[in-house]
Amino acid sequence: MDWLTLFLLGFFGGTHCVGMCGGLSSAFALQLPVHIPRILLIFLMNIGRLLSYTLIGVLMGALSQFGFLLDETHHLQMALYILANLLLLLMGLYLAGIFSVAAKIELIGKPVWRKLNPLLNKLLPIQSVAGCFGVGVLWGWLPCGLVYNASLYALGSGSAVQGGWLMLAFGLGTLPNLLAMGAFAAQLKGILQNRWVRLVAGLLVSGWAVWCLVKIWVVS
């Protein structure tokens, strides 16, 4: 169910991805070398992004695995799971345009991104397949509240392998929207930035979070 939760977060979070990453995706797509098939490069760039998400999941899962080995406790894992779903609830409200406090979580990653941004600039404009993949890898570390929310699930997984799979599931959820943004930026942006589409997608995310929290309460 956690895999499904993160896939849905990535998919319905497409309204946020378009606003935050849509400009980058379009800009990258416009800089792709003409002698290499465009769709191949867009796909490769997103594979690099998913690889970074998976690595984040592995690192977060390994951190929790080490902690649980030192002091095995189901209560800590449950607390992280509840916190992740509470944040998921707030992220849904943020996506819906109802409550924006969850946006502040993106400030956490600003220092890391300041270190990585110069590396990204060195790879632009994209001149090769390797450069395209490198841009995708760095793109995966862009500060994003959705990524941090998914990372919290990985942290609560108690396993490096499980954490990696969870973040991969999140990345696969984002893939349809961002692949489409690279190919049909103008058309897709108008749809996903529509107020009613954002409202419905956000409420679905929040509703799923509420269902997960109710499930925890019933089981416990």
N, C-alpha and C. Protein backbone atom coordinates (compact mmCIF):
# COMPACT_ATOMS: atom_id res chain seq x y z
N MET A 1 0.82 -1.21 0.00
CA MET A 1 0.00 0.00 0.00
C MET A 1 0.85 1.26 0.00
N ASP A 2 2.03 1.22 0.65
CA ASP A 2 2.91 2.38 0.63
C ASP A 2 3.40 2.66 -0.78
N TRP A 3 3.67 1.61 -1.54
CA TRP A 3 4.10 1.81 -2.93
C TRP A 3 2.99 2.51 -3.72
N LEU A 4 1.75 2.06 -3.51
CA LEU A 4 0.62 2.67 -4.21
C LEU A 4 0.43 4.12 -3.76
N THR A 5 0.57 4.37 -2.46
CA THR A 5 0.45 5.73 -1.93
C THR A 5 1.45 6.66 -2.62
N LEU A 6 2.70 6.22 -2.73
CA LEU A 6 3.72 7.08 -3.31
C LEU A 6 3.56 7.22 -4.82
N PHE A 7 3.10 6.17 -5.48
CA PHE A 7 2.82 6.29 -6.91
C PHE A 7 1.72 7.32 -7.14
N LEU A 8 0.65 7.27 -6.34
CA LEU A 8 -0.45 8.22 -6.48
C LEU A 8 0.00 9.64 -6.14
N LEU A 9 0.88 9.76 -5.12
CA LEU A 9 1.41 11.07 -4.78
C LEU A 9 2.16 11.66 -5.97
N GLY A 10 2.99 10.84 -6.60
CA GLY A 10 3.73 11.31 -7.77
C GLY A 10 2.82 11.65 -8.93
N PHE A 11 1.80 10.81 -9.15
CA PHE A 11 0.92 11.02 -10.30
C PHE A 11 0.03 12.25 -10.12
N PHE A 12 -0.69 12.30 -9.00
CA PHE A 12 -1.60 13.43 -8.77
C PHE A 12 -0.83 14.71 -8.41
N GLY A 13 0.42 14.54 -7.99
CA GLY A 13 1.25 15.71 -7.76
C GLY A 13 1.73 16.35 -9.05
N GLY A 14 1.27 15.82 -10.19
CA GLY A 14 1.65 16.37 -11.48
C GLY A 14 1.29 17.84 -11.62
N THR A 15 0.23 18.26 -10.94
CA THR A 15 -0.14 19.67 -11.00
C THR A 15 0.95 20.55 -10.38
N HIS A 16 1.60 20.02 -9.35
CA HIS A 16 2.72 20.73 -8.73
C HIS A 16 3.98 20.61 -9.58
N CYS A 17 4.19 19.42 -10.14
CA CYS A 17 5.38 19.19 -10.97
C CYS A 17 5.40 20.13 -12.17
N VAL A 18 4.23 20.36 -12.76
CA VAL A 18 4.16 21.24 -13.92
C VAL A 18 4.55 22.66 -13.53
N GLY A 19 4.08 23.09 -12.35
CA GLY A 19 4.41 24.43 -11.90
C GLY A 19 5.88 24.57 -11.53
N MET A 20 6.43 23.53 -10.90
CA MET A 20 7.80 23.64 -10.39
C MET A 20 8.83 23.14 -11.38
N CYS A 21 8.56 21.98 -12.00
CA CYS A 21 9.54 21.37 -12.89
C CYS A 21 9.18 21.53 -14.37
N GLY A 22 7.96 21.98 -14.64
CA GLY A 22 7.53 22.09 -16.03
C GLY A 22 8.41 23.03 -16.84
N GLY A 23 8.77 24.17 -16.24
CA GLY A 23 9.64 25.13 -16.92
C GLY A 23 11.00 24.54 -17.20
N LEU A 24 11.54 23.82 -16.20
CA LEU A 24 12.84 23.16 -16.39
C LEU A 24 12.76 22.10 -17.48
N SER A 25 11.71 21.28 -17.41
CA SER A 25 11.55 20.21 -18.39
C SER A 25 11.47 20.77 -19.80
N SER A 26 10.70 21.84 -19.96
CA SER A 26 10.56 22.47 -21.27
C SER A 26 11.88 23.09 -21.72
N ALA A 27 12.56 23.76 -20.78
CA ALA A 27 13.85 24.39 -21.12
C ALA A 27 14.88 23.34 -21.52
N PHE A 28 14.93 22.23 -20.78
CA PHE A 28 15.86 21.15 -21.12
C PHE A 28 15.54 20.60 -22.51
N ALA A 29 14.23 20.42 -22.76
CA ALA A 29 13.80 19.84 -24.04
C ALA A 29 14.21 20.73 -25.21
N LEU A 30 14.16 22.04 -25.02
CA LEU A 30 14.52 22.97 -26.09
C LEU A 30 16.02 22.98 -26.36
N GLN A 31 16.81 22.50 -25.39
CA GLN A 31 18.27 22.51 -25.53
C GLN A 31 18.85 21.17 -26.00
N LEU A 32 17.98 20.23 -26.30
CA LEU A 32 18.47 18.91 -26.68
C LEU A 32 19.13 18.97 -28.06
N PRO A 33 20.24 18.23 -28.25
CA PRO A 33 20.91 18.21 -29.56
C PRO A 33 20.00 17.61 -30.63
N VAL A 34 20.00 18.21 -31.81
CA VAL A 34 19.05 17.82 -32.86
C VAL A 34 19.44 16.51 -33.53
N HIS A 35 20.70 16.08 -33.40
CA HIS A 35 21.14 14.88 -34.09
C HIS A 35 20.79 13.59 -33.35
N ILE A 36 20.17 13.71 -32.17
CA ILE A 36 19.75 12.54 -31.39
C ILE A 36 18.23 12.62 -31.22
N PRO A 37 17.50 11.48 -31.38
CA PRO A 37 16.04 11.51 -31.26
C PRO A 37 15.58 12.18 -29.97
N ARG A 38 14.69 13.15 -30.09
CA ARG A 38 14.23 13.95 -28.96
C ARG A 38 13.60 13.10 -27.86
N ILE A 39 12.72 12.16 -28.24
CA ILE A 39 12.00 11.36 -27.25
C ILE A 39 12.98 10.50 -26.45
N LEU A 40 14.05 10.03 -27.10
CA LEU A 40 15.05 9.21 -26.40
C LEU A 40 15.75 10.03 -25.32
N LEU A 41 16.09 11.27 -25.63
CA LEU A 41 16.79 12.12 -24.68
C LEU A 41 15.89 12.52 -23.52
N ILE A 42 14.63 12.82 -23.82
CA ILE A 42 13.68 13.17 -22.76
C ILE A 42 13.50 11.99 -21.81
N PHE A 43 13.38 10.79 -22.38
CA PHE A 43 13.24 9.59 -21.55
C PHE A 43 14.49 9.36 -20.72
N LEU A 44 15.66 9.51 -21.33
CA LEU A 44 16.92 9.30 -20.63
C LEU A 44 17.10 10.29 -19.48
N MET A 45 16.70 11.52 -19.70
CA MET A 45 16.79 12.54 -18.67
C MET A 45 15.93 12.16 -17.46
N ASN A 46 14.75 11.64 -17.73
CA ASN A 46 13.86 11.24 -16.65
C ASN A 46 14.34 9.98 -15.95
N ILE A 47 15.03 9.10 -16.67
CA ILE A 47 15.64 7.93 -16.03
C ILE A 47 16.68 8.39 -15.02
N GLY A 48 17.47 9.40 -15.39
CA GLY A 48 18.45 9.95 -14.44
C GLY A 48 17.78 10.52 -13.21
N ARG A 49 16.66 11.19 -13.41
CA ARG A 49 15.89 11.75 -12.27
C ARG A 49 15.40 10.64 -11.36
N LEU A 50 14.86 9.57 -11.95
CA LEU A 50 14.37 8.45 -11.15
C LEU A 50 15.50 7.76 -10.40
N LEU A 51 16.68 7.71 -11.01
CA LEU A 51 17.83 7.11 -10.34
C LEU A 51 18.18 7.89 -9.07
N SER A 52 18.12 9.23 -9.15
CA SER A 52 18.39 10.05 -7.96
C SER A 52 17.33 9.83 -6.89
N TYR A 53 16.07 9.75 -7.29
CA TYR A 53 15.01 9.48 -6.31
C TYR A 53 15.25 8.15 -5.61
N THR A 54 15.62 7.14 -6.39
CA THR A 54 15.87 5.82 -5.80
C THR A 54 17.05 5.88 -4.84
N LEU A 55 18.09 6.60 -5.20
CA LEU A 55 19.24 6.74 -4.32
C LEU A 55 18.86 7.44 -3.02
N ILE A 56 18.02 8.48 -3.12
CA ILE A 56 17.53 9.16 -1.91
C ILE A 56 16.79 8.16 -1.02
N GLY A 57 15.96 7.32 -1.64
CA GLY A 57 15.22 6.32 -0.88
C GLY A 57 16.13 5.31 -0.20
N VAL A 58 17.16 4.88 -0.91
CA VAL A 58 18.13 3.93 -0.34
C VAL A 58 18.84 4.56 0.86
N LEU A 59 19.26 5.82 0.72
CA LEU A 59 19.96 6.50 1.80
C LEU A 59 19.06 6.68 3.02
N MET A 60 17.81 7.09 2.79
CA MET A 60 16.87 7.29 3.90
C MET A 60 16.53 5.96 4.55
N GLY A 61 16.32 4.93 3.72
CA GLY A 61 16.01 3.61 4.27
C GLY A 61 17.18 3.04 5.05
N ALA A 62 18.41 3.26 4.56
CA ALA A 62 19.60 2.77 5.27
C ALA A 62 19.76 3.49 6.61
N LEU A 63 19.44 4.77 6.62
CA LEU A 63 19.52 5.54 7.87
C LEU A 63 18.56 4.97 8.91
N SER A 64 17.34 4.69 8.48
CA SER A 64 16.37 4.13 9.43
C SER A 64 16.72 2.70 9.80
N GLN A 65 17.26 1.93 8.84
CA GLN A 65 17.64 0.55 9.13
C GLN A 65 18.72 0.51 10.20
N PHE A 66 19.69 1.40 10.09
CA PHE A 66 20.76 1.47 11.07
C PHE A 66 20.20 1.85 12.44
N GLY A 67 19.28 2.80 12.44
CA GLY A 67 18.68 3.23 13.71
C GLY A 67 17.86 2.14 14.36
N PHE A 68 17.09 1.41 13.54
CA PHE A 68 16.26 0.35 14.09
C PHE A 68 17.09 -0.82 14.60
N LEU A 69 18.26 -1.04 13.96
CA LEU A 69 19.14 -2.11 14.44
C LEU A 69 19.73 -1.76 15.80
N LEU A 70 19.97 -0.46 16.00
CA LEU A 70 20.50 -0.03 17.29
C LEU A 70 19.44 -0.13 18.38
N ASP A 71 18.22 0.19 18.00
CA ASP A 71 17.15 0.20 18.99
C ASP A 71 15.86 -0.20 18.29
N GLU A 72 15.67 -1.48 18.10
CA GLU A 72 14.51 -1.95 17.36
C GLU A 72 13.23 -1.55 18.08
N THR A 73 12.40 -0.77 17.38
CA THR A 73 11.14 -0.33 17.96
C THR A 73 10.10 -0.11 16.89
N HIS A 74 8.99 -0.76 17.05
CA HIS A 74 7.87 -0.60 16.12
C HIS A 74 7.24 0.77 16.30
N HIS A 75 7.34 1.33 17.51
CA HIS A 75 6.69 2.61 17.78
C HIS A 75 7.31 3.75 16.97
N LEU A 76 8.63 3.73 16.81
CA LEU A 76 9.29 4.77 16.02
C LEU A 76 8.87 4.68 14.56
N GLN A 77 8.79 3.47 14.05
CA GLN A 77 8.39 3.27 12.66
C GLN A 77 6.94 3.74 12.45
N MET A 78 6.08 3.44 13.42
CA MET A 78 4.69 3.87 13.33
C MET A 78 4.57 5.39 13.39
N ALA A 79 5.38 6.02 14.24
CA ALA A 79 5.36 7.48 14.36
C ALA A 79 5.77 8.14 13.04
N LEU A 80 6.79 7.59 12.38
CA LEU A 80 7.23 8.12 11.10
C LEU A 80 6.16 7.94 10.04
N TYR A 81 5.47 6.80 10.09
CA TYR A 81 4.41 6.53 9.12
C TYR A 81 3.25 7.51 9.30
N ILE A 82 2.89 7.78 10.54
CA ILE A 82 1.81 8.73 10.82
C ILE A 82 2.22 10.13 10.38
N LEU A 83 3.46 10.51 10.68
CA LEU A 83 3.96 11.82 10.28
C LEU A 83 3.96 11.96 8.76
N ALA A 84 4.35 10.89 8.06
CA ALA A 84 4.37 10.93 6.59
C ALA A 84 2.97 11.14 6.04
N ASN A 85 1.98 10.51 6.63
CA ASN A 85 0.61 10.66 6.14
C ASN A 85 0.01 12.01 6.52
N LEU A 86 0.41 12.55 7.66
CA LEU A 86 -0.04 13.90 8.01
C LEU A 86 0.54 14.91 7.03
N LEU A 87 1.81 14.73 6.68
CA LEU A 87 2.41 15.61 5.68
C LEU A 87 1.76 15.42 4.32
N LEU A 88 1.40 14.16 4.00
CA LEU A 88 0.71 13.89 2.75
C LEU A 88 -0.63 14.62 2.71
N LEU A 89 -1.33 14.65 3.84
CA LEU A 89 -2.59 15.38 3.94
C LEU A 89 -2.37 16.87 3.64
N LEU A 90 -1.33 17.45 4.24
CA LEU A 90 -1.03 18.87 4.02
C LEU A 90 -0.58 19.12 2.59
N MET A 91 0.18 18.19 2.01
CA MET A 91 0.61 18.35 0.62
C MET A 91 -0.58 18.34 -0.32
N GLY A 92 -1.56 17.49 -0.03
CA GLY A 92 -2.77 17.46 -0.84
C GLY A 92 -3.51 18.79 -0.80
N LEU A 93 -3.62 19.36 0.38
CA LEU A 93 -4.28 20.66 0.53
C LEU A 93 -3.49 21.76 -0.19
N TYR A 94 -2.16 21.61 -0.19
CA TYR A 94 -1.31 22.56 -0.91
C TYR A 94 -1.52 22.43 -2.42
N LEU A 95 -1.56 21.19 -2.91
CA LEU A 95 -1.80 20.97 -4.33
C LEU A 95 -3.16 21.52 -4.75
N ALA A 96 -4.13 21.41 -3.85
CA ALA A 96 -5.49 21.88 -4.15
C ALA A 96 -5.61 23.40 -4.05
N GLY A 97 -4.58 24.06 -3.54
CA GLY A 97 -4.62 25.51 -3.40
C GLY A 97 -5.42 25.98 -2.21
N ILE A 98 -5.59 25.10 -1.20
CA ILE A 98 -6.40 25.43 -0.03
C ILE A 98 -5.54 25.90 1.13
N PHE A 99 -4.38 25.24 1.32
CA PHE A 99 -3.54 25.50 2.50
C PHE A 99 -2.09 25.35 2.08
N SER A 100 -1.33 26.42 2.13
CA SER A 100 0.00 26.41 1.50
C SER A 100 1.16 26.20 2.47
N VAL A 101 0.89 25.88 3.73
CA VAL A 101 1.98 25.76 4.69
C VAL A 101 2.97 24.66 4.30
N ALA A 102 2.52 23.62 3.60
CA ALA A 102 3.40 22.52 3.22
C ALA A 102 4.47 22.97 2.24
N ALA A 103 4.25 24.08 1.56
CA ALA A 103 5.23 24.57 0.59
C ALA A 103 6.55 24.95 1.27
N LYS A 104 6.47 25.29 2.56
CA LYS A 104 7.67 25.73 3.28
C LYS A 104 8.68 24.60 3.45
N ILE A 105 8.24 23.36 3.32
CA ILE A 105 9.17 22.23 3.48
C ILE A 105 10.23 22.24 2.39
N GLU A 106 9.92 22.87 1.25
CA GLU A 106 10.87 22.90 0.15
C GLU A 106 12.12 23.73 0.47
N LEU A 107 12.01 24.57 1.50
CA LEU A 107 13.18 25.36 1.91
C LEU A 107 14.30 24.50 2.47
N ILE A 108 13.95 23.28 2.91
CA ILE A 108 14.95 22.39 3.52
C ILE A 108 16.09 22.08 2.55
N GLY A 109 15.74 21.90 1.29
CA GLY A 109 16.75 21.47 0.33
C GLY A 109 17.50 22.59 -0.38
N LYS A 110 17.21 23.83 -0.06
CA LYS A 110 17.86 24.96 -0.75
C LYS A 110 19.39 24.92 -0.63
N PRO A 111 19.96 24.67 0.57
CA PRO A 111 21.43 24.65 0.67
C PRO A 111 22.08 23.59 -0.22
N VAL A 112 21.46 22.40 -0.30
CA VAL A 112 22.01 21.34 -1.14
C VAL A 112 21.95 21.75 -2.61
N TRP A 113 20.81 22.33 -3.01
CA TRP A 113 20.64 22.73 -4.41
C TRP A 113 21.62 23.83 -4.81
N ARG A 114 21.96 24.72 -3.89
CA ARG A 114 22.94 25.76 -4.20
C ARG A 114 24.30 25.16 -4.54
N LYS A 115 24.61 24.01 -3.94
CA LYS A 115 25.88 23.32 -4.22
C LYS A 115 25.83 22.61 -5.58
N LEU A 116 24.65 22.09 -5.93
CA LEU A 116 24.52 21.29 -7.15
C LEU A 116 24.25 22.14 -8.39
N ASN A 117 23.65 23.31 -8.21
CA ASN A 117 23.25 24.13 -9.35
C ASN A 117 24.42 24.50 -10.27
N PRO A 118 25.61 24.82 -9.72
CA PRO A 118 26.74 25.10 -10.63
C PRO A 118 27.12 23.91 -11.51
N LEU A 119 26.97 22.69 -10.96
CA LEU A 119 27.25 21.49 -11.76
C LEU A 119 26.26 21.38 -12.91
N LEU A 120 24.99 21.69 -12.62
CA LEU A 120 23.96 21.65 -13.66
C LEU A 120 24.26 22.66 -14.76
N ASN A 121 24.67 23.85 -14.37
CA ASN A 121 24.96 24.90 -15.36
C ASN A 121 26.09 24.49 -16.29
N LYS A 122 27.05 23.69 -15.77
CA LYS A 122 28.17 23.25 -16.61
C LYS A 122 27.72 22.27 -17.69
N LEU A 123 26.60 21.59 -17.45
CA LEU A 123 26.10 20.61 -18.41
C LEU A 123 25.16 21.22 -19.44
N LEU A 124 24.82 22.49 -19.25
CA LEU A 124 23.92 23.17 -20.18
C LEU A 124 24.69 24.12 -21.09
N PRO A 125 24.30 24.24 -22.37
CA PRO A 125 23.26 23.46 -23.04
C PRO A 125 23.68 22.00 -23.23
N ILE A 126 22.72 21.12 -23.29
CA ILE A 126 22.98 19.69 -23.41
C ILE A 126 23.58 19.39 -24.78
N GLN A 127 24.72 18.69 -24.78
CA GLN A 127 25.42 18.41 -26.02
C GLN A 127 25.53 16.92 -26.34
N SER A 128 25.23 16.05 -25.37
CA SER A 128 25.46 14.62 -25.58
C SER A 128 24.47 13.79 -24.78
N VAL A 129 24.47 12.49 -25.05
CA VAL A 129 23.63 11.55 -24.29
C VAL A 129 24.05 11.54 -22.82
N ALA A 130 25.37 11.50 -22.58
CA ALA A 130 25.87 11.49 -21.20
C ALA A 130 25.48 12.76 -20.47
N GLY A 131 25.58 13.91 -21.16
CA GLY A 131 25.20 15.17 -20.55
C GLY A 131 23.73 15.21 -20.22
N CYS A 132 22.91 14.64 -21.09
CA CYS A 132 21.46 14.58 -20.87
C CYS A 132 21.14 13.76 -19.62
N PHE A 133 21.80 12.62 -19.49
CA PHE A 133 21.60 11.77 -18.32
C PHE A 133 22.06 12.49 -17.05
N GLY A 134 23.19 13.18 -17.12
CA GLY A 134 23.71 13.92 -15.97
C GLY A 134 22.76 15.01 -15.51
N VAL A 135 22.15 15.71 -16.47
CA VAL A 135 21.16 16.73 -16.13
C VAL A 135 19.99 16.10 -15.39
N GLY A 136 19.56 14.94 -15.84
CA GLY A 136 18.45 14.25 -15.18
C GLY A 136 18.79 13.85 -13.75
N VAL A 137 20.02 13.36 -13.55
CA VAL A 137 20.46 12.96 -12.20
C VAL A 137 20.44 14.16 -11.26
N LEU A 138 20.96 15.30 -11.71
CA LEU A 138 20.97 16.49 -10.87
C LEU A 138 19.56 17.04 -10.65
N TRP A 139 18.73 16.92 -11.66
CA TRP A 139 17.34 17.37 -11.57
C TRP A 139 16.63 16.67 -10.41
N GLY A 140 16.97 15.42 -10.16
CA GLY A 140 16.33 14.66 -9.09
C GLY A 140 16.57 15.23 -7.70
N TRP A 141 17.56 16.13 -7.56
CA TRP A 141 17.87 16.71 -6.25
C TRP A 141 17.28 18.12 -6.09
N LEU A 142 16.48 18.54 -7.06
CA LEU A 142 15.82 19.84 -6.96
C LEU A 142 14.90 19.86 -5.74
N PRO A 143 14.95 20.92 -4.90
CA PRO A 143 14.08 20.99 -3.72
C PRO A 143 12.61 20.83 -4.10
N CYS A 144 11.94 19.87 -3.49
CA CYS A 144 10.54 19.58 -3.84
C CYS A 144 9.83 18.97 -2.63
N GLY A 145 8.73 19.57 -2.23
CA GLY A 145 7.97 19.07 -1.10
C GLY A 145 7.45 17.67 -1.31
N LEU A 146 7.08 17.32 -2.54
CA LEU A 146 6.59 15.98 -2.83
C LEU A 146 7.69 14.94 -2.61
N VAL A 147 8.90 15.28 -3.05
CA VAL A 147 10.04 14.36 -2.85
C VAL A 147 10.31 14.17 -1.37
N TYR A 148 10.26 15.27 -0.60
CA TYR A 148 10.54 15.17 0.83
C TYR A 148 9.46 14.37 1.55
N ASN A 149 8.22 14.51 1.09
CA ASN A 149 7.13 13.73 1.67
C ASN A 149 7.37 12.24 1.41
N ALA A 150 7.72 11.90 0.17
CA ALA A 150 8.00 10.51 -0.17
C ALA A 150 9.21 9.99 0.61
N SER A 151 10.21 10.86 0.82
CA SER A 151 11.41 10.46 1.55
C SER A 151 11.10 10.07 2.99
N LEU A 152 10.08 10.69 3.54
CA LEU A 152 9.69 10.37 4.92
C LEU A 152 9.14 8.95 5.00
N TYR A 153 8.42 8.50 3.96
CA TYR A 153 7.98 7.10 3.90
C TYR A 153 9.20 6.18 3.84
N ALA A 154 10.19 6.57 3.02
CA ALA A 154 11.41 5.76 2.91
C ALA A 154 12.14 5.69 4.24
N LEU A 155 12.17 6.80 4.97
CA LEU A 155 12.82 6.83 6.27
C LEU A 155 12.13 5.90 7.25
N GLY A 156 10.82 5.79 7.14
CA GLY A 156 10.07 4.92 8.04
C GLY A 156 10.03 3.47 7.61
N SER A 157 10.63 3.16 6.46
CA SER A 157 10.55 1.79 5.95
C SER A 157 11.44 0.83 6.74
N GLY A 158 12.52 1.34 7.34
CA GLY A 158 13.41 0.49 8.10
C GLY A 158 14.30 -0.39 7.25
N SER A 159 14.41 -0.10 5.95
CA SER A 159 15.21 -0.93 5.06
C SER A 159 15.71 -0.09 3.89
N ALA A 160 16.99 -0.22 3.57
CA ALA A 160 17.56 0.50 2.43
C ALA A 160 16.90 0.06 1.13
N VAL A 161 16.70 -1.24 0.98
CA VAL A 161 16.08 -1.77 -0.24
C VAL A 161 14.63 -1.29 -0.36
N GLN A 162 13.89 -1.40 0.75
CA GLN A 162 12.50 -0.97 0.75
C GLN A 162 12.40 0.53 0.47
N GLY A 163 13.30 1.32 1.07
CA GLY A 163 13.30 2.75 0.84
C GLY A 163 13.54 3.09 -0.61
N GLY A 164 14.46 2.36 -1.25
CA GLY A 164 14.72 2.57 -2.67
C GLY A 164 13.52 2.26 -3.54
N TRP A 165 12.84 1.14 -3.24
CA TRP A 165 11.64 0.77 -4.00
C TRP A 165 10.52 1.79 -3.83
N LEU A 166 10.38 2.31 -2.62
CA LEU A 166 9.32 3.29 -2.36
C LEU A 166 9.55 4.57 -3.16
N MET A 167 10.78 5.05 -3.18
CA MET A 167 11.08 6.27 -3.92
C MET A 167 11.00 6.04 -5.43
N LEU A 168 11.32 4.83 -5.87
CA LEU A 168 11.15 4.50 -7.29
C LEU A 168 9.67 4.53 -7.67
N ALA A 169 8.81 4.00 -6.78
CA ALA A 169 7.37 4.03 -7.03
C ALA A 169 6.88 5.48 -7.16
N PHE A 170 7.38 6.35 -6.30
CA PHE A 170 7.02 7.77 -6.39
C PHE A 170 7.49 8.35 -7.73
N GLY A 171 8.73 8.04 -8.11
CA GLY A 171 9.27 8.55 -9.36
C GLY A 171 8.47 8.08 -10.57
N LEU A 172 8.07 6.81 -10.55
CA LEU A 172 7.26 6.28 -11.66
C LEU A 172 5.92 6.98 -11.75
N GLY A 173 5.39 7.40 -10.60
CA GLY A 173 4.14 8.16 -10.61
C GLY A 173 4.28 9.52 -11.28
N THR A 174 5.46 10.13 -11.13
CA THR A 174 5.69 11.45 -11.74
C THR A 174 6.02 11.33 -13.23
N LEU A 175 6.41 10.14 -13.66
CA LEU A 175 6.95 9.97 -15.01
C LEU A 175 5.98 10.37 -16.13
N PRO A 176 4.70 9.92 -16.10
CA PRO A 176 3.81 10.28 -17.21
C PRO A 176 3.69 11.79 -17.43
N ASN A 177 3.52 12.54 -16.34
CA ASN A 177 3.35 13.98 -16.47
C ASN A 177 4.61 14.67 -17.01
N LEU A 178 5.77 14.29 -16.48
CA LEU A 178 6.98 14.99 -16.88
C LEU A 178 7.50 14.54 -18.25
N LEU A 179 7.22 13.29 -18.63
CA LEU A 179 7.51 12.88 -20.00
C LEU A 179 6.66 13.68 -20.97
N ALA A 180 5.38 13.82 -20.62
CA ALA A 180 4.47 14.57 -21.48
C ALA A 180 4.86 16.05 -21.53
N MET A 181 5.36 16.58 -20.41
CA MET A 181 5.78 17.99 -20.38
C MET A 181 6.93 18.23 -21.34
N GLY A 182 7.82 17.26 -21.46
CA GLY A 182 8.94 17.42 -22.36
C GLY A 182 8.50 17.45 -23.82
N ALA A 183 7.38 16.76 -24.12
CA ALA A 183 6.93 16.65 -25.51
C ALA A 183 5.79 17.62 -25.85
N PHE A 184 4.90 17.84 -24.89
CA PHE A 184 3.71 18.67 -25.16
C PHE A 184 3.53 19.73 -24.07
N ALA A 185 4.56 20.52 -23.85
CA ALA A 185 4.58 21.45 -22.71
C ALA A 185 3.40 22.40 -22.70
N ALA A 186 3.15 23.07 -23.79
CA ALA A 186 2.13 24.12 -23.82
C ALA A 186 0.74 23.55 -23.57
N GLN A 187 0.41 22.44 -24.25
CA GLN A 187 -0.92 21.85 -24.10
C GLN A 187 -1.15 21.32 -22.69
N LEU A 188 -0.17 20.60 -22.15
CA LEU A 188 -0.34 19.96 -20.84
C LEU A 188 -0.37 20.97 -19.71
N LYS A 189 0.43 22.01 -19.82
CA LYS A 189 0.48 23.00 -18.74
C LYS A 189 -0.87 23.64 -18.52
N GLY A 190 -1.58 23.95 -19.61
CA GLY A 190 -2.89 24.55 -19.48
C GLY A 190 -3.88 23.67 -18.75
N ILE A 191 -3.76 22.35 -18.97
CA ILE A 191 -4.69 21.41 -18.33
C ILE A 191 -4.36 21.24 -16.85
N LEU A 192 -3.10 20.93 -16.55
CA LEU A 192 -2.72 20.59 -15.18
C LEU A 192 -2.68 21.81 -14.25
N GLN A 193 -2.58 23.02 -14.81
CA GLN A 193 -2.60 24.20 -13.97
C GLN A 193 -4.00 24.77 -13.81
N ASN A 194 -4.98 24.10 -14.44
CA ASN A 194 -6.37 24.51 -14.27
C ASN A 194 -6.78 24.38 -12.80
N ARG A 195 -7.48 25.38 -12.29
CA ARG A 195 -7.82 25.43 -10.86
C ARG A 195 -8.61 24.21 -10.41
N TRP A 196 -9.55 23.75 -11.25
CA TRP A 196 -10.38 22.62 -10.85
C TRP A 196 -9.61 21.30 -10.91
N VAL A 197 -8.72 21.19 -11.86
CA VAL A 197 -7.88 19.98 -11.93
C VAL A 197 -6.98 19.91 -10.70
N ARG A 198 -6.38 21.06 -10.33
CA ARG A 198 -5.53 21.11 -9.12
C ARG A 198 -6.35 20.77 -7.88
N LEU A 199 -7.57 21.29 -7.81
CA LEU A 199 -8.42 21.05 -6.64
C LEU A 199 -8.75 19.57 -6.50
N VAL A 200 -9.18 18.95 -7.59
CA VAL A 200 -9.55 17.54 -7.56
C VAL A 200 -8.34 16.66 -7.23
N ALA A 201 -7.20 16.92 -7.89
CA ALA A 201 -6.00 16.12 -7.65
C ALA A 201 -5.55 16.26 -6.20
N GLY A 202 -5.53 17.49 -5.68
CA GLY A 202 -5.11 17.72 -4.30
C GLY A 202 -6.02 17.05 -3.29
N LEU A 203 -7.33 17.14 -3.51
CA LEU A 203 -8.28 16.52 -2.59
C LEU A 203 -8.19 15.00 -2.62
N LEU A 204 -7.87 14.45 -3.79
CA LEU A 204 -7.68 12.99 -3.87
C LEU A 204 -6.47 12.56 -3.04
N VAL A 205 -5.38 13.34 -3.12
CA VAL A 205 -4.19 13.04 -2.32
C VAL A 205 -4.51 13.14 -0.83
N SER A 206 -5.18 14.22 -0.43
CA SER A 206 -5.55 14.40 0.98
C SER A 206 -6.51 13.31 1.45
N GLY A 207 -7.46 12.95 0.59
CA GLY A 207 -8.41 11.90 0.94
C GLY A 207 -7.73 10.56 1.16
N TRP A 208 -6.73 10.27 0.32
CA TRP A 208 -5.96 9.03 0.48
C TRP A 208 -5.20 9.04 1.79
N ALA A 209 -4.63 10.21 2.15
CA ALA A 209 -3.90 10.33 3.42
C ALA A 209 -4.82 10.09 4.61
N VAL A 210 -6.02 10.65 4.54
CA VAL A 210 -7.01 10.45 5.62
C VAL A 210 -7.36 8.97 5.74
N TRP A 211 -7.54 8.31 4.59
CA TRP A 211 -7.88 6.89 4.61
C TRP A 211 -6.75 6.09 5.27
N CYS A 212 -5.49 6.42 4.95
CA CYS A 212 -4.35 5.72 5.54
C CYS A 212 -4.30 5.94 7.05
N LEU A 213 -4.58 7.17 7.48
CA LEU A 213 -4.56 7.48 8.93
C LEU A 213 -5.69 6.75 9.65
N VAL A 214 -6.86 6.68 9.03
CA VAL A 214 -7.99 5.95 9.63
C VAL A 214 -7.66 4.47 9.74
N LYS A 215 -7.00 3.94 8.70
CA LYS A 215 -6.60 2.53 8.69
C LYS A 215 -5.65 2.24 9.86
N ILE A 216 -4.72 3.16 10.10
CA ILE A 216 -3.79 3.00 11.24
C ILE A 216 -4.54 2.97 12.54
N TRP A 217 -5.50 3.88 12.69
CA TRP A 217 -6.27 3.98 13.93
C TRP A 217 -7.10 2.71 14.16
N VAL A 218 -7.70 2.18 13.08
CA VAL A 218 -8.54 0.98 13.20
C VAL A 218 -7.69 -0.23 13.59
N VAL A 219 -6.52 -0.37 12.92
CA VAL A 219 -5.65 -1.50 13.20
C VAL A 219 -5.10 -1.47 14.62
N SER A 220 -4.74 -0.24 15.08
CA SER A 220 -4.14 -0.14 16.41
C SER A 220 -5.22 -0.23 17.50
